[in-house]
Amino acid sequence: MQLGRRIGVSKLYRYYRAYGLLDTTGSNLYGESNSLFTKESSVGSVELATMSFGQRLSITPLQMITAVSAIANDGVLMKPTIVDKITNTDTGVVTNVEPTSVRQVLSKETATTMKDLMQSVVEDGSGYRAAVSGYTVGGKTGTSEPPIGKEATDGYVASFCGISPVEDTQVVILVCFYGVSKGQQGGMVAAPVVSQMLTKILPTLNVPADEVESDNSTTLLPDVRNKTFTEAEKVLKANGFTVKSVTGEDQNTVTVSDQMPKPGISLSKDSVIILYDNSNTTRSSVTVPDLNYKSASQAVNALHALNLNVSFDGAGIVVSQEPPANSKVEEGTVINISLKKNSNVTH
């Protein structure tokens, strides 16, 4: 309610519109319903307070999952489509229904932050029952009250909206239970169903499992200096590394003069190796993010997004890091983090 008061009615409704909550989604589903909102000009302090946490307004499940999908899609709102393709049975001609973007609702950076928060709901919050072994899952619980005076007839709505995997989301899923009794919250009744469904859906879609916390295997970083960039990239990728080449020359002839990190250290697969030629004198520096209380997978995602690498000690959530947050370091630097199980950490 304090945030709602600070944001104000005008900006709050601007975001309602941006997420598409005040209009039908354009899915072309026959009879698609629209949301029920108080007219903006009629919103007073009480309405603003209750709307700030989702009460006294109604949106459809399709509007909800479309809005959450915008967060999962790096902040881009997409028009939902029901049909993937149309095949003419007489001619065999196939017409594909292409994805249609509507607008950029929030920045990619903010979307990443929101996905991290959603992951925390599952890993260390009320949505823990939505967890899926081998995959990162984010989500949000929902427990909606019925209209005033209709508790006995309408009952409550318990829901859970989940995304997986968190970093490169392939599935967004919303499960709602209508007419449940008071006390049956979304994290209790809907989250377990989301877990069961994702357990089947993700492997069926051939989404690779994420075993960051259990797979501590490392590979010795080879010395690729004095090799051509083409040769160096081939060697590094064969060892499971990701490569960023900093050169404006022909990669088939110019040789690597330096690499970051330096050769001879052990790194996990997918670590980012930066290659330089002799002509490059300016190297990119980045600010080390605050990894405190993040899971191993969240830490990896945050660091890899900045072309930084990571070395783990322990399991659970991050309790310390070196270099510290907000330090300026060169791309490719290895950030050492210590983790402990949630039960051993107070926050």
Protein backbone atom coordinates (compact mmCIF):
# COMPACT_ATOMS: atom_id res chain seq x y z
CA MET A 1 0.00 0.00 0.00
CA GLN A 2 2.91 2.33 0.70
CA LEU A 3 4.32 1.58 -2.76
CA GLY A 4 0.91 2.12 -4.34
CA ARG A 5 0.66 5.50 -2.66
CA ARG A 6 4.14 6.48 -3.87
CA ILE A 7 3.46 5.26 -7.41
CA GLY A 8 0.09 7.01 -7.65
CA VAL A 9 -3.05 6.28 -9.62
CA SER A 10 -1.88 7.68 -12.96
CA LYS A 11 1.35 5.68 -13.15
CA LEU A 12 -0.32 2.53 -11.78
CA TYR A 13 -2.96 2.65 -14.53
CA ARG A 14 -0.27 3.40 -17.11
CA TYR A 15 1.34 0.08 -16.26
CA TYR A 16 -2.01 -1.70 -16.19
CA ARG A 17 -2.42 -0.53 -19.77
CA ALA A 18 1.16 -1.38 -20.72
CA TYR A 19 0.68 -4.97 -19.53
CA GLY A 20 -2.58 -5.18 -21.45
CA LEU A 21 -4.76 -5.63 -18.37
CA LEU A 22 -7.38 -3.07 -19.41
CA ASP A 23 -8.08 -4.63 -22.81
CA THR A 24 -8.71 -8.08 -24.23
CA THR A 25 -5.51 -9.75 -25.40
CA GLY A 26 -6.38 -9.94 -29.10
CA SER A 27 -6.10 -13.72 -29.06
CA ASN A 28 -9.13 -14.00 -31.39
CA LEU A 29 -10.77 -16.45 -29.00
CA TYR A 30 -14.52 -16.16 -29.47
CA GLY A 31 -16.19 -14.41 -26.56
CA GLU A 32 -12.96 -13.47 -24.74
CA SER A 33 -13.88 -11.51 -21.62
CA ASN A 34 -12.25 -8.31 -20.43
CA SER A 35 -11.11 -7.25 -16.99
CA LEU A 36 -13.10 -5.35 -14.38
CA PHE A 37 -11.39 -2.23 -13.05
CA THR A 38 -12.59 0.84 -11.21
CA LYS A 39 -12.67 3.82 -13.57
CA GLU A 40 -9.36 5.65 -13.18
CA SER A 41 -11.02 8.97 -12.38
CA SER A 42 -12.98 7.29 -9.56
CA VAL A 43 -10.01 5.73 -7.76
CA GLY A 44 -9.57 7.21 -4.29
CA SER A 45 -7.08 6.45 -1.53
CA VAL A 46 -8.91 3.31 -0.37
CA GLU A 47 -9.21 1.88 -3.89
CA LEU A 48 -5.55 2.67 -4.59
CA ALA A 49 -4.51 0.88 -1.40
CA THR A 50 -6.47 -2.29 -2.14
CA MET A 51 -5.61 -2.34 -5.85
CA SER A 52 -1.90 -2.05 -5.03
CA PHE A 53 -1.94 -5.64 -3.76
CA GLY A 54 -4.46 -6.96 -6.29
CA GLN A 55 -7.82 -6.72 -4.51
CA ARG A 56 -11.07 -5.30 -5.86
CA LEU A 57 -10.13 -5.77 -9.48
CA SER A 58 -10.62 -8.76 -11.77
CA ILE A 59 -8.57 -9.91 -14.73
CA THR A 60 -8.87 -13.05 -16.81
CA PRO A 61 -6.35 -15.92 -16.61
CA LEU A 62 -5.36 -15.18 -20.21
CA GLN A 63 -4.60 -11.55 -19.32
CA MET A 64 -2.61 -12.70 -16.29
CA ILE A 65 -0.45 -15.23 -18.11
CA THR A 66 0.11 -12.80 -20.99
CA ALA A 67 1.38 -10.18 -18.55
CA VAL A 68 3.67 -12.63 -16.74
CA SER A 69 4.95 -13.88 -20.09
CA ALA A 70 6.12 -10.33 -20.81
CA ILE A 71 8.41 -10.56 -17.78
CA ALA A 72 9.65 -13.98 -18.91
CA ASN A 73 10.21 -12.61 -22.42
CA ASP A 74 12.76 -9.93 -21.41
CA GLY A 75 10.03 -7.33 -20.90
CA VAL A 76 8.31 -7.68 -24.29
CA LEU A 77 4.53 -8.16 -24.28
CA MET A 78 3.42 -10.66 -26.93
CA LYS A 79 0.02 -11.22 -28.50
CA PRO A 80 -1.14 -14.69 -27.40
CA THR A 81 -1.84 -17.12 -30.23
CA ILE A 82 -3.89 -20.28 -29.93
CA VAL A 83 -3.13 -21.77 -33.35
CA ASP A 84 0.47 -22.61 -34.31
CA LYS A 85 -0.13 -23.29 -37.99
CA ILE A 86 -2.89 -23.99 -40.49
CA THR A 87 -2.63 -26.80 -43.05
CA ASN A 88 -4.75 -26.79 -46.17
CA THR A 89 -5.76 -30.44 -46.47
CA ASP A 90 -6.52 -30.05 -50.19
CA THR A 91 -3.23 -28.46 -51.27
CA GLY A 92 -0.93 -29.31 -48.36
CA VAL A 93 0.05 -25.64 -48.04
CA VAL A 94 1.04 -24.77 -44.47
CA THR A 95 0.51 -21.27 -43.11
CA ASN A 96 2.50 -20.55 -39.95
CA VAL A 97 1.14 -18.12 -37.39
CA GLU A 98 4.12 -15.93 -36.55
CA PRO A 99 4.66 -14.46 -33.06
CA THR A 100 3.57 -10.83 -32.75
CA SER A 101 5.15 -8.44 -30.27
CA VAL A 102 2.91 -5.71 -28.87
CA ARG A 103 5.24 -3.43 -26.91
CA GLN A 104 8.24 -3.28 -24.58
CA VAL A 105 6.69 -3.09 -21.12
CA LEU A 106 9.84 -2.97 -19.01
CA SER A 107 13.56 -3.11 -19.61
CA LYS A 108 15.43 -6.38 -19.98
CA GLU A 109 17.38 -5.56 -16.82
CA THR A 110 14.21 -5.04 -14.80
CA ALA A 111 12.69 -8.20 -16.26
CA THR A 112 15.79 -10.14 -15.15
CA THR A 113 15.44 -8.74 -11.64
CA MET A 114 11.79 -9.74 -11.54
CA LYS A 115 12.62 -13.27 -12.69
CA ASP A 116 15.23 -13.53 -9.94
CA LEU A 117 12.61 -12.47 -7.41
CA MET A 118 10.19 -15.03 -8.81
CA GLN A 119 12.89 -17.69 -8.49
CA SER A 120 13.35 -16.72 -4.84
CA VAL A 121 9.64 -17.35 -4.26
CA VAL A 122 10.17 -20.99 -5.26
CA GLU A 123 13.61 -21.56 -3.76
CA ASP A 124 13.11 -19.72 -0.48
CA GLY A 125 9.48 -18.70 -0.18
CA SER A 126 5.82 -19.67 -0.22
CA GLY A 127 6.05 -21.24 -3.68
CA TYR A 128 8.55 -23.94 -2.72
CA ARG A 129 6.08 -26.68 -3.65
CA ALA A 130 6.47 -25.66 -7.33
CA ALA A 131 10.13 -26.72 -7.46
CA VAL A 132 11.19 -29.20 -10.16
CA SER A 133 14.29 -31.34 -9.80
CA GLY A 134 16.94 -30.36 -12.32
CA TYR A 135 15.29 -27.12 -13.45
CA THR A 136 15.11 -23.54 -12.21
CA VAL A 137 11.54 -22.44 -11.55
CA GLY A 138 10.20 -19.00 -10.68
CA GLY A 139 6.69 -18.06 -9.78
CA LYS A 140 4.12 -16.16 -7.77
CA THR A 141 1.39 -17.44 -5.53
CA GLY A 142 -2.11 -16.01 -5.69
CA THR A 143 -4.94 -16.15 -3.16
CA SER A 144 -7.93 -14.03 -4.16
CA GLU A 145 -10.88 -13.13 -1.99
CA PRO A 146 -14.44 -13.27 -3.40
CA PRO A 147 -16.54 -10.11 -3.71
CA ILE A 148 -17.81 -8.75 -0.42
CA GLY A 149 -20.88 -10.68 0.72
CA LYS A 150 -20.28 -13.61 -1.66
CA GLU A 151 -17.81 -15.64 0.41
CA ALA A 152 -20.30 -18.46 0.90
CA THR A 153 -21.33 -18.77 -2.76
CA ASP A 154 -18.19 -17.85 -4.74
CA GLY A 155 -15.42 -19.02 -2.48
CA TYR A 156 -11.75 -18.11 -2.87
CA VAL A 157 -9.39 -18.46 -5.87
CA ALA A 158 -6.03 -20.14 -5.24
CA SER A 159 -3.49 -19.84 -8.05
CA PHE A 160 0.14 -20.16 -8.98
CA CYS A 161 1.91 -18.78 -12.05
CA GLY A 162 5.27 -20.38 -12.81
CA ILE A 163 8.09 -19.87 -15.31
CA SER A 164 10.85 -22.32 -16.24
CA PRO A 165 13.74 -22.29 -16.84
CA VAL A 166 14.25 -18.89 -15.22
CA GLU A 167 17.14 -17.65 -17.37
CA ASP A 168 15.87 -18.71 -20.81
CA THR A 169 12.19 -19.28 -20.13
CA GLN A 170 10.47 -21.81 -22.36
CA VAL A 171 7.26 -22.39 -20.40
CA VAL A 172 4.90 -20.09 -18.52
CA ILE A 173 2.09 -21.89 -16.74
CA LEU A 174 -0.89 -20.68 -14.69
CA VAL A 175 -3.00 -23.00 -12.55
CA CYS A 176 -6.14 -21.69 -10.82
CA PHE A 177 -8.52 -23.39 -8.39
CA TYR A 178 -11.90 -21.71 -8.02
CA GLY A 179 -14.25 -21.93 -5.06
CA VAL A 180 -11.70 -23.20 -2.56
CA SER A 181 -12.17 -22.70 1.14
CA LYS A 182 -10.56 -19.89 3.08
CA GLY A 183 -7.03 -20.88 4.06
CA GLN A 184 -6.34 -22.93 0.92
CA GLN A 185 -3.67 -20.69 -0.53
CA GLY A 186 -2.09 -20.77 -3.98
CA GLY A 187 1.25 -21.99 -2.70
CA MET A 188 -0.47 -24.92 -0.99
CA VAL A 189 -2.87 -26.23 -3.64
CA ALA A 190 -1.82 -24.79 -7.03
CA ALA A 191 1.99 -24.80 -6.77
CA PRO A 192 2.25 -28.62 -6.40
CA VAL A 193 0.21 -29.04 -9.60
CA VAL A 194 2.52 -26.66 -11.44
CA SER A 195 5.48 -28.78 -10.27
CA GLN A 196 3.84 -31.99 -11.52
CA MET A 197 3.00 -30.45 -14.89
CA LEU A 198 6.44 -28.89 -15.45
CA THR A 199 8.07 -32.21 -14.52
CA LYS A 200 6.35 -33.71 -17.58
CA ILE A 201 6.33 -30.68 -19.90
CA LEU A 202 9.99 -29.61 -19.75
CA PRO A 203 11.53 -32.98 -20.75
CA THR A 204 8.85 -33.41 -23.43
CA LEU A 205 9.93 -30.09 -24.95
CA ASN A 206 13.58 -31.27 -24.73
CA VAL A 207 14.46 -28.38 -22.41
CA PRO A 208 17.91 -29.23 -20.99
CA ALA A 209 18.06 -29.75 -17.24
CA ASP A 210 20.02 -27.28 -15.14
CA GLU A 211 22.24 -29.07 -12.64
CA VAL A 212 24.39 -26.11 -11.62
CA GLU A 213 24.31 -26.78 -7.89
CA SER A 214 24.98 -30.50 -8.08
CA ASP A 215 27.48 -30.48 -10.95
CA ASN A 216 30.75 -29.08 -9.62
CA SER A 217 32.90 -30.52 -12.40
CA THR A 218 35.53 -28.18 -13.80
CA THR A 219 37.85 -28.14 -16.79
CA LEU A 220 41.41 -26.84 -16.96
CA LEU A 221 41.51 -23.69 -19.07
CA PRO A 222 43.96 -24.26 -21.95
CA ASP A 223 46.48 -21.70 -23.18
CA VAL A 224 45.28 -20.49 -26.60
CA ARG A 225 47.62 -17.54 -26.93
CA ASN A 226 49.52 -17.38 -30.23
CA LYS A 227 46.79 -19.41 -31.93
CA THR A 228 44.56 -17.78 -34.50
CA PHE A 229 41.20 -16.64 -33.16
CA THR A 230 39.50 -19.33 -35.23
CA GLU A 231 41.74 -22.05 -33.78
CA ALA A 232 41.43 -20.68 -30.26
CA GLU A 233 37.63 -20.57 -30.38
CA LYS A 234 37.52 -24.15 -31.65
CA VAL A 235 39.71 -25.38 -28.79
CA LEU A 236 37.81 -23.49 -26.10
CA LYS A 237 34.36 -24.47 -27.35
CA ALA A 238 35.46 -28.11 -27.53
CA ASN A 239 36.19 -27.82 -23.80
CA GLY A 240 32.72 -26.46 -23.10
CA PHE A 241 33.60 -22.77 -22.75
CA THR A 242 31.82 -19.73 -24.16
CA VAL A 243 34.05 -17.37 -26.14
CA LYS A 244 34.04 -13.60 -26.70
CA SER A 245 36.60 -12.49 -29.28
CA VAL A 246 37.74 -8.86 -29.17
CA THR A 247 39.32 -8.17 -32.55
CA GLY A 248 38.56 -6.26 -35.69
CA GLU A 249 40.90 -8.34 -37.84
CA ASP A 250 40.44 -11.51 -39.87
CA GLN A 251 40.00 -14.24 -37.26
CA ASN A 252 41.54 -16.82 -39.60
CA THR A 253 44.90 -15.02 -39.63
CA VAL A 254 45.20 -12.76 -36.56
CA THR A 255 46.54 -14.46 -33.44
CA VAL A 256 45.43 -14.24 -29.82
CA SER A 257 47.82 -12.13 -27.75
CA ASP A 258 46.04 -12.47 -24.41
CA GLN A 259 43.10 -14.23 -22.79
CA MET A 260 40.99 -13.60 -19.72
CA PRO A 261 40.96 -15.51 -17.41
CA LYS A 262 44.59 -16.57 -17.66
CA PRO A 263 45.29 -20.19 -18.67
CA GLY A 264 45.94 -22.94 -16.16
CA ILE A 265 42.97 -22.44 -13.82
CA SER A 266 40.00 -24.79 -13.48
CA LEU A 267 36.64 -23.43 -14.58
CA SER A 268 33.14 -24.81 -14.90
CA LYS A 269 31.67 -25.40 -18.33
CA ASP A 270 29.99 -22.40 -19.97
CA SER A 271 32.56 -20.06 -18.39
CA VAL A 272 33.21 -17.00 -20.56
CA ILE A 273 36.70 -16.65 -22.05
CA ILE A 274 37.66 -13.25 -23.49
CA LEU A 275 40.25 -13.24 -26.30
CA TYR A 276 42.29 -10.19 -27.35
CA ASP A 277 44.62 -9.31 -30.19
CA ASN A 278 47.66 -7.01 -30.08
CA SER A 279 45.75 -3.99 -31.36
CA ASN A 280 43.33 -3.87 -28.44
CA THR A 281 44.46 -1.61 -25.61
CA THR A 282 41.13 -0.77 -23.98
CA ARG A 283 39.44 -3.55 -22.07
CA SER A 284 35.85 -3.53 -20.91
CA SER A 285 35.23 -3.35 -17.20
CA VAL A 286 31.97 -4.21 -15.46
CA THR A 287 30.49 -3.71 -12.02
CA VAL A 288 30.26 -6.85 -9.88
CA PRO A 289 26.59 -7.42 -8.92
CA ASP A 290 25.41 -8.07 -5.38
CA LEU A 291 24.95 -11.84 -5.18
CA ASN A 292 23.95 -11.94 -1.52
CA TYR A 293 21.19 -14.52 -0.82
CA LYS A 294 21.02 -15.64 -4.46
CA SER A 295 21.04 -19.32 -5.36
CA ALA A 296 23.93 -20.79 -7.33
CA SER A 297 21.95 -20.69 -10.57
CA GLN A 298 20.86 -17.10 -9.96
CA ALA A 299 24.48 -16.12 -9.29
CA VAL A 300 25.65 -17.84 -12.49
CA ASN A 301 22.94 -16.11 -14.54
CA ALA A 302 23.78 -12.68 -13.11
CA LEU A 303 27.52 -13.10 -13.66
CA HIS A 304 27.36 -14.67 -17.12
CA ALA A 305 25.10 -11.80 -18.25
CA LEU A 306 28.07 -9.51 -17.52
CA ASN A 307 30.69 -11.85 -19.04
CA LEU A 308 31.99 -12.74 -15.58
CA ASN A 309 32.84 -16.20 -14.30
CA VAL A 310 32.20 -17.93 -11.01
CA SER A 311 33.86 -20.33 -8.60
CA PHE A 312 31.70 -22.07 -5.97
CA ASP A 313 32.37 -23.14 -2.42
CA GLY A 314 29.51 -24.92 -0.67
CA ALA A 315 25.84 -25.25 -1.59
CA GLY A 316 22.63 -23.34 -0.94
CA ILE A 317 22.50 -19.55 -1.19
CA VAL A 318 25.31 -17.01 -1.46
CA VAL A 319 26.65 -15.70 1.87
CA SER A 320 29.86 -14.02 0.66
CA GLN A 321 31.63 -13.05 -2.55
CA GLU A 322 35.06 -11.87 -3.65
CA PRO A 323 35.55 -9.34 -5.23
CA PRO A 324 32.73 -7.62 -3.34
CA ALA A 325 29.61 -6.14 -4.89
CA ASN A 326 30.03 -2.88 -6.84
CA SER A 327 33.72 -3.54 -7.53
CA LYS A 328 34.98 -2.69 -11.02
CA VAL A 329 36.61 -5.70 -12.68
CA GLU A 330 37.66 -6.76 -16.15
CA GLU A 331 35.35 -8.96 -18.22
CA GLY A 332 36.20 -12.62 -17.72
CA THR A 333 37.18 -12.17 -14.07
CA VAL A 334 36.37 -15.10 -11.78
CA ILE A 335 34.10 -14.17 -8.88
CA ASN A 336 34.54 -16.48 -5.88
CA ILE A 337 31.34 -17.11 -3.94
CA SER A 338 30.58 -19.08 -0.79
CA LEU A 339 27.20 -20.72 -0.31
CA LYS A 340 25.36 -22.17 2.66
CA LYS A 341 22.08 -24.01 3.04
CA ASN A 342 19.09 -21.75 3.67
CA SER A 343 18.52 -23.11 7.18
CA ASN A 344 21.95 -21.83 8.24
CA VAL A 345 21.41 -18.28 7.03
CA THR A 346 19.36 -15.54 8.66
CA HIS A 347 18.04 -12.79 6.42
